[in-house]
C-alpha atoms as a PDB file:
ATOM      1  CA  MET A   1      -5.951 -68.800 -54.930  1.00  0.00           C
ATOM      2  CA  GLU A   2      -6.495 -69.412 -58.609  1.00  0.00           C
ATOM      3  CA  ARG A   3      -3.324 -69.361 -60.813  1.00  0.00           C
ATOM      4  CA  GLY A   4      -3.572 -68.327 -64.452  1.00  0.00           C
ATOM      5  CA  ASP A   5      -1.036 -68.309 -66.879  1.00  0.00           C
ATOM      6  CA  ALA A   6       2.556 -67.095 -66.339  1.00  0.00           C
ATOM      7  CA  SER A   7       2.102 -63.625 -66.602  1.00  0.00           C
ATOM      8  CA  SER A   8      -1.201 -63.306 -64.696  1.00  0.00           C
ATOM      9  CA  THR A   9      -2.418 -64.398 -61.181  1.00  0.00           C
ATOM     10  CA  VAL A  10      -6.053 -64.119 -59.893  1.00  0.00           C
ATOM     11  CA  TYR A  11      -6.451 -64.148 -56.573  1.00  0.00           C
ATOM     12  CA  SER A  12     -10.006 -64.644 -55.320  1.00  0.00           C
ATOM     13  CA  GLU A  13     -10.642 -63.138 -51.439  1.00  0.00           C
ATOM     14  CA  ALA A  14     -13.204 -64.459 -49.700  1.00  0.00           C
ATOM     15  CA  MET A  15     -14.816 -61.251 -49.601  1.00  0.00           C
ATOM     16  CA  PRO A  16     -13.219 -57.907 -50.342  1.00  0.00           C
ATOM     17  CA  ASP A  17     -13.520 -54.879 -48.249  1.00  0.00           C
ATOM     18  CA  PRO A  18     -16.459 -52.731 -48.767  1.00  0.00           C
ATOM     19  CA  LEU A  19     -15.374 -49.420 -50.566  1.00  0.00           C
ATOM     20  CA  PRO A  20     -16.969 -46.454 -48.625  1.00  0.00           C
ATOM     21  CA  ILE A  21     -18.050 -43.773 -51.274  1.00  0.00           C
ATOM     22  CA  HIS A  22     -19.447 -41.195 -48.402  1.00  0.00           C
ATOM     23  CA  ASP A  23     -21.210 -41.185 -45.358  1.00  0.00           C
ATOM     24  CA  HIS A  24     -24.320 -42.922 -46.475  1.00  0.00           C
ATOM     25  CA  LEU A  25     -22.866 -44.891 -49.166  1.00  0.00           C
ATOM     26  CA  THR A  26     -20.871 -48.041 -49.189  1.00  0.00           C
ATOM     27  CA  ILE A  27     -20.072 -50.419 -52.149  1.00  0.00           C
ATOM     28  CA  PRO A  28     -20.487 -54.159 -50.913  1.00  0.00           C
ATOM     29  CA  GLY A  29     -17.337 -56.234 -51.224  1.00  0.00           C
ATOM     30  CA  ALA A  30     -19.224 -58.615 -52.929  1.00  0.00           C
ATOM     31  CA  ASP A  31     -19.657 -56.578 -55.943  1.00  0.00           C
ATOM     32  CA  LEU A  32     -15.463 -56.047 -56.095  1.00  0.00           C
ATOM     33  CA  SER A  33     -12.935 -58.679 -57.238  1.00  0.00           C
ATOM     34  CA  TYR A  34      -9.087 -58.190 -57.854  1.00  0.00           C
ATOM     35  CA  GLU A  35      -6.792 -59.494 -60.174  1.00  0.00           C
ATOM     36  CA  PHE A  36      -2.924 -59.140 -59.835  1.00  0.00           C
ATOM     37  CA  SER A  37      -0.319 -59.588 -62.592  1.00  0.00           C
ATOM     38  CA  ARG A  38       2.753 -58.298 -63.646  1.00  0.00           C
ATOM     39  CA  SER A  39       3.632 -54.955 -64.240  1.00  0.00           C
ATOM     40  CA  GLY A  40       5.361 -52.753 -66.708  1.00  0.00           C
ATOM     41  CA  GLY A  41       5.462 -50.019 -64.572  1.00  0.00           C
ATOM     42  CA  PRO A  42       8.307 -48.563 -62.418  1.00  0.00           C
ATOM     43  CA  GLY A  43      10.519 -51.081 -60.176  1.00  0.00           C
ATOM     44  CA  GLY A  44      13.369 -52.137 -62.004  1.00  0.00           C
ATOM     45  CA  GLN A  45      14.237 -55.957 -62.122  1.00  0.00           C
ATOM     46  CA  HIS A  46      11.778 -56.219 -59.090  1.00  0.00           C
ATOM     47  CA  VAL A  47       8.984 -55.751 -61.972  1.00  0.00           C
ATOM     48  CA  ASN A  48       9.839 -59.217 -63.536  1.00  0.00           C
ATOM     49  CA  THR A  49       8.969 -61.135 -60.370  1.00  0.00           C
ATOM     50  CA  THR A  50       6.101 -59.983 -58.565  1.00  0.00           C
ATOM     51  CA  ASP A  51       2.286 -59.326 -59.433  1.00  0.00           C
ATOM     52  CA  THR A  52       2.040 -55.709 -58.267  1.00  0.00           C
ATOM     53  CA  ARG A  53      -0.311 -54.809 -61.500  1.00  0.00           C
ATOM     54  CA  VAL A  54      -3.950 -54.448 -59.993  1.00  0.00           C
ATOM     55  CA  ARG A  55      -7.241 -54.845 -61.890  1.00  0.00           C
ATOM     56  CA  LEU A  56     -10.179 -53.782 -59.834  1.00  0.00           C
ATOM     57  CA  ARG A  57     -13.205 -55.311 -61.342  1.00  0.00           C
ATOM     58  CA  PHE A  58     -16.702 -53.509 -60.203  1.00  0.00           C
ATOM     59  CA  ALA A  59     -19.971 -55.392 -60.831  1.00  0.00           C
ATOM     60  CA  LEU A  60     -21.604 -52.318 -61.802  1.00  0.00           C
ATOM     61  CA  ALA A  61     -24.838 -53.821 -63.261  1.00  0.00           C
ATOM     62  CA  ALA A  62     -25.454 -56.012 -60.402  1.00  0.00           C
ATOM     63  CA  CYS A  63     -24.360 -53.393 -57.611  1.00  0.00           C
ATOM     64  CA  ALA A  64     -28.006 -52.722 -55.603  1.00  0.00           C
ATOM     65  CA  ALA A  65     -26.034 -49.919 -53.706  1.00  0.00           C
ATOM     66  CA  LEU A  66     -26.167 -47.396 -56.455  1.00  0.00           C
ATOM     67  CA  HIS A  67     -29.191 -45.696 -58.149  1.00  0.00           C
ATOM     68  CA  PRO A  68     -29.887 -46.896 -61.767  1.00  0.00           C
ATOM     69  CA  ALA A  69     -29.375 -43.224 -62.887  1.00  0.00           C
ATOM     70  CA  VAL A  70     -25.919 -43.237 -61.265  1.00  0.00           C
ATOM     71  CA  LYS A  71     -25.183 -46.507 -62.959  1.00  0.00           C
ATOM     72  CA  ALA A  72     -26.440 -45.088 -66.590  1.00  0.00           C
ATOM     73  CA  ARG A  73     -24.104 -41.423 -65.910  1.00  0.00           C
ATOM     74  CA  ILE A  74     -20.949 -43.893 -65.113  1.00  0.00           C
ATOM     75  CA  ARG A  75     -21.671 -45.995 -67.947  1.00  0.00           C
ATOM     76  CA  ALA A  76     -22.049 -42.969 -70.173  1.00  0.00           C
ATOM     77  CA  ALA A  77     -18.948 -41.283 -68.699  1.00  0.00           C
ATOM     78  CA  VAL A  78     -16.564 -44.108 -69.240  1.00  0.00           C
ATOM     79  CA  PRO A  79     -17.783 -46.491 -71.914  1.00  0.00           C
ATOM     80  CA  GLY A  80     -14.080 -47.821 -72.579  1.00  0.00           C
ATOM     81  CA  MET A  81     -13.754 -49.173 -68.980  1.00  0.00           C
ATOM     82  CA  LEU A  82     -16.789 -51.344 -69.391  1.00  0.00           C
ATOM     83  CA  THR A  83     -16.602 -55.523 -70.229  1.00  0.00           C
ATOM     84  CA  SER A  84     -19.507 -56.950 -72.150  1.00  0.00           C
ATOM     85  CA  ASP A  85     -20.621 -58.194 -68.707  1.00  0.00           C
ATOM     86  CA  GLY A  86     -21.323 -54.959 -67.665  1.00  0.00           C
ATOM     87  CA  GLU A  87     -18.308 -54.784 -65.008  1.00  0.00           C
ATOM     88  CA  LEU A  88     -16.177 -51.806 -64.673  1.00  0.00           C
ATOM     89  CA  LEU A  89     -12.456 -52.516 -65.018  1.00  0.00           C
ATOM     90  CA  ILE A  90      -9.988 -50.309 -63.316  1.00  0.00           C
ATOM     91  CA  VAL A  91      -6.320 -50.838 -63.808  1.00  0.00           C
ATOM     92  CA  SER A  92      -3.365 -49.556 -61.721  1.00  0.00           C
ATOM     93  CA  ASP A  93       0.258 -50.115 -61.875  1.00  0.00           C
ATOM     94  CA  ARG A  94       1.495 -46.713 -61.096  1.00  0.00           C
ATOM     95  CA  ASN A  95       3.376 -47.737 -57.810  1.00  0.00           C
ATOM     96  CA  ARG A  96       5.843 -50.571 -56.912  1.00  0.00           C
ATOM     97  CA  SER A  97       3.800 -51.927 -54.665  1.00  0.00           C
ATOM     98  CA  ARG A  98       0.625 -54.152 -54.717  1.00  0.00           C
ATOM     99  CA  GLN A  99      -1.126 -52.617 -51.679  1.00  0.00           C
ATOM    100  CA  ARG A 100      -0.446 -48.819 -53.206  1.00  0.00           C
ATOM    101  CA  ASN A 101      -2.040 -49.947 -56.521  1.00  0.00           C
ATOM    102  CA  LEU A 102      -5.067 -51.499 -54.755  1.00  0.00           C
ATOM    103  CA  ASP A 103      -5.703 -48.440 -52.887  1.00  0.00           C
ATOM    104  CA  ASP A 104      -5.013 -46.381 -56.051  1.00  0.00           C
ATOM    105  CA  ALA A 105      -7.321 -48.632 -57.815  1.00  0.00           C
ATOM    106  CA  ARG A 106     -10.062 -48.008 -54.848  1.00  0.00           C
ATOM    107  CA  GLN A 107      -9.259 -44.697 -54.933  1.00  0.00           C
ATOM    108  CA  ARG A 108     -10.012 -44.014 -58.521  1.00  0.00           C
ATOM    109  CA  LEU A 109     -13.498 -46.051 -58.062  1.00  0.00           C
ATOM    110  CA  ALA A 110     -14.912 -44.231 -55.485  1.00  0.00           C
ATOM    111  CA  ASP A 111     -13.772 -40.914 -57.332  1.00  0.00           C
ATOM    112  CA  LEU A 112     -15.672 -42.004 -60.439  1.00  0.00           C
ATOM    113  CA  VAL A 113     -18.707 -42.997 -58.031  1.00  0.00           C
ATOM    114  CA  ARG A 114     -18.826 -39.975 -56.273  1.00  0.00           C
ATOM    115  CA  ALA A 115     -18.672 -37.774 -59.536  1.00  0.00           C
ATOM    116  CA  HIS A 116     -21.576 -39.125 -60.955  1.00  0.00           C
ATOM    117  CA  LEU A 117     -23.642 -39.269 -57.762  1.00  0.00           C
ATOM    118  CA  LYS A 118     -25.455 -35.655 -58.668  1.00  0.00           C
ATOM    119  CA  PRO A 119     -27.283 -35.381 -61.951  1.00  0.00           C
ATOM    120  CA  PRO A 120     -25.633 -32.728 -63.998  1.00  0.00           C
ATOM    121  CA  LYS A 121     -27.150 -29.044 -63.858  1.00  0.00           C
ATOM    122  CA  ARG A 122     -29.658 -28.667 -67.038  1.00  0.00           C
ATOM    123  CA  ARG A 123     -28.170 -26.071 -69.230  1.00  0.00           C
ATOM    124  CA  ARG A 124     -30.676 -22.992 -69.135  1.00  0.00           C
ATOM    125  CA  PRO A 125     -30.613 -21.442 -72.788  1.00  0.00           C
ATOM    126  CA  THR A 126     -29.932 -17.894 -72.746  1.00  0.00           C
ATOM    127  CA  LYS A 127     -30.068 -15.152 -75.297  1.00  0.00           C
ATOM    128  CA  PRO A 128     -27.497 -12.663 -75.852  1.00  0.00           C
ATOM    129  CA  THR A 129     -28.575  -9.210 -74.971  1.00  0.00           C
ATOM    130  CA  LYS A 130     -29.194  -6.191 -77.418  1.00  0.00           C
ATOM    131  CA  GLY A 131     -26.147  -4.437 -75.938  1.00  0.00           C
ATOM    132  CA  SER A 132     -23.815  -7.455 -76.375  1.00  0.00           C
ATOM    133  CA  LYS A 133     -25.300  -7.755 -80.243  1.00  0.00           C
ATOM    134  CA  ARG A 134     -24.481  -4.388 -80.899  1.00  0.00           C
ATOM    135  CA  ARG A 135     -20.967  -4.524 -79.365  1.00  0.00           C
ATOM    136  CA  ARG A 136     -20.296  -7.617 -81.504  1.00  0.00           C
ATOM    137  CA  LEU A 137     -21.514  -5.927 -84.619  1.00  0.00           C
ATOM    138  CA  GLU A 138     -19.317  -2.654 -83.867  1.00  0.00           C
ATOM    139  CA  GLY A 139     -16.300  -4.846 -83.413  1.00  0.00           C
ATOM    140  CA  LYS A 140     -16.841  -6.862 -86.769  1.00  0.00           C
ATOM    141  CA  LYS A 141     -17.215  -3.665 -88.778  1.00  0.00           C
ATOM    142  CA  ARG A 142     -14.233  -2.007 -87.121  1.00  0.00           C
ATOM    143  CA  ARG A 143     -11.908  -5.247 -87.783  1.00  0.00           C
ATOM    144  CA  GLY A 144     -13.575  -4.872 -91.386  1.00  0.00           C
ATOM    145  CA  GLU A 145     -12.160  -1.352 -91.937  1.00  0.00           C
ATOM    146  CA  ILE A 146      -8.871  -2.235 -90.725  1.00  0.00           C
ATOM    147  CA  LYS A 147      -8.656  -5.303 -93.293  1.00  0.00           C
ATOM    148  CA  SER A 148     -10.093  -3.320 -95.793  1.00  0.00           C
ATOM    149  CA  LYS A 149      -7.415  -0.517 -95.540  1.00  0.00           C
ATOM    150  CA  ARG A 150      -4.600  -3.396 -96.175  1.00  0.00           C
ATOM    151  CA  GLY A 151      -5.442  -3.517-100.087  1.00  0.00           C
ATOM    152  CA  ARG A 152      -3.788  -1.980-102.672  1.00  0.00           C
ATOM    153  CA  VAL A 153      -3.368   1.854-102.748  1.00  0.00           C
ATOM    154  CA  ARG A 154      -5.105   3.204-105.656  1.00  0.00           C
ATOM    155  CA  GLU A 155      -4.344   6.432-106.891  1.00  0.00           C
ATOM    156  CA  ASP A 156      -7.251   8.523-108.225  1.00  0.00           C
END
């Protein structure tokens, strides 16, 4: 265990548990690391004495379990969560318990990876039908007539 300044404690586990994403994909524990620090979240005075905030670091660039296309989709989706070293940083301080925050951070990482495993569907460009064009123009004409009748009444 390494100690940082008074507000941050870094725990270096021998090997964090691997993170299962689905049946055929698991992120190895070597690509994950955790840091615990004081949380400003719920907990009253308990917050001031315990390190419950969890910072989960995932070595996205170095992970061999993910396809490069998946890594690129994750990078594009959450650029604000990436560090300059190519690590994905997830912070959780929603709960009073360190273990719950750790579980929450791991679940959020798994959900993020799961959401970007499949490439997005390609958009097929479509053209409006003749009927929809006609209906749109008729609606615009009708609306224009209503508005033109709102003007001053001229007495001829």
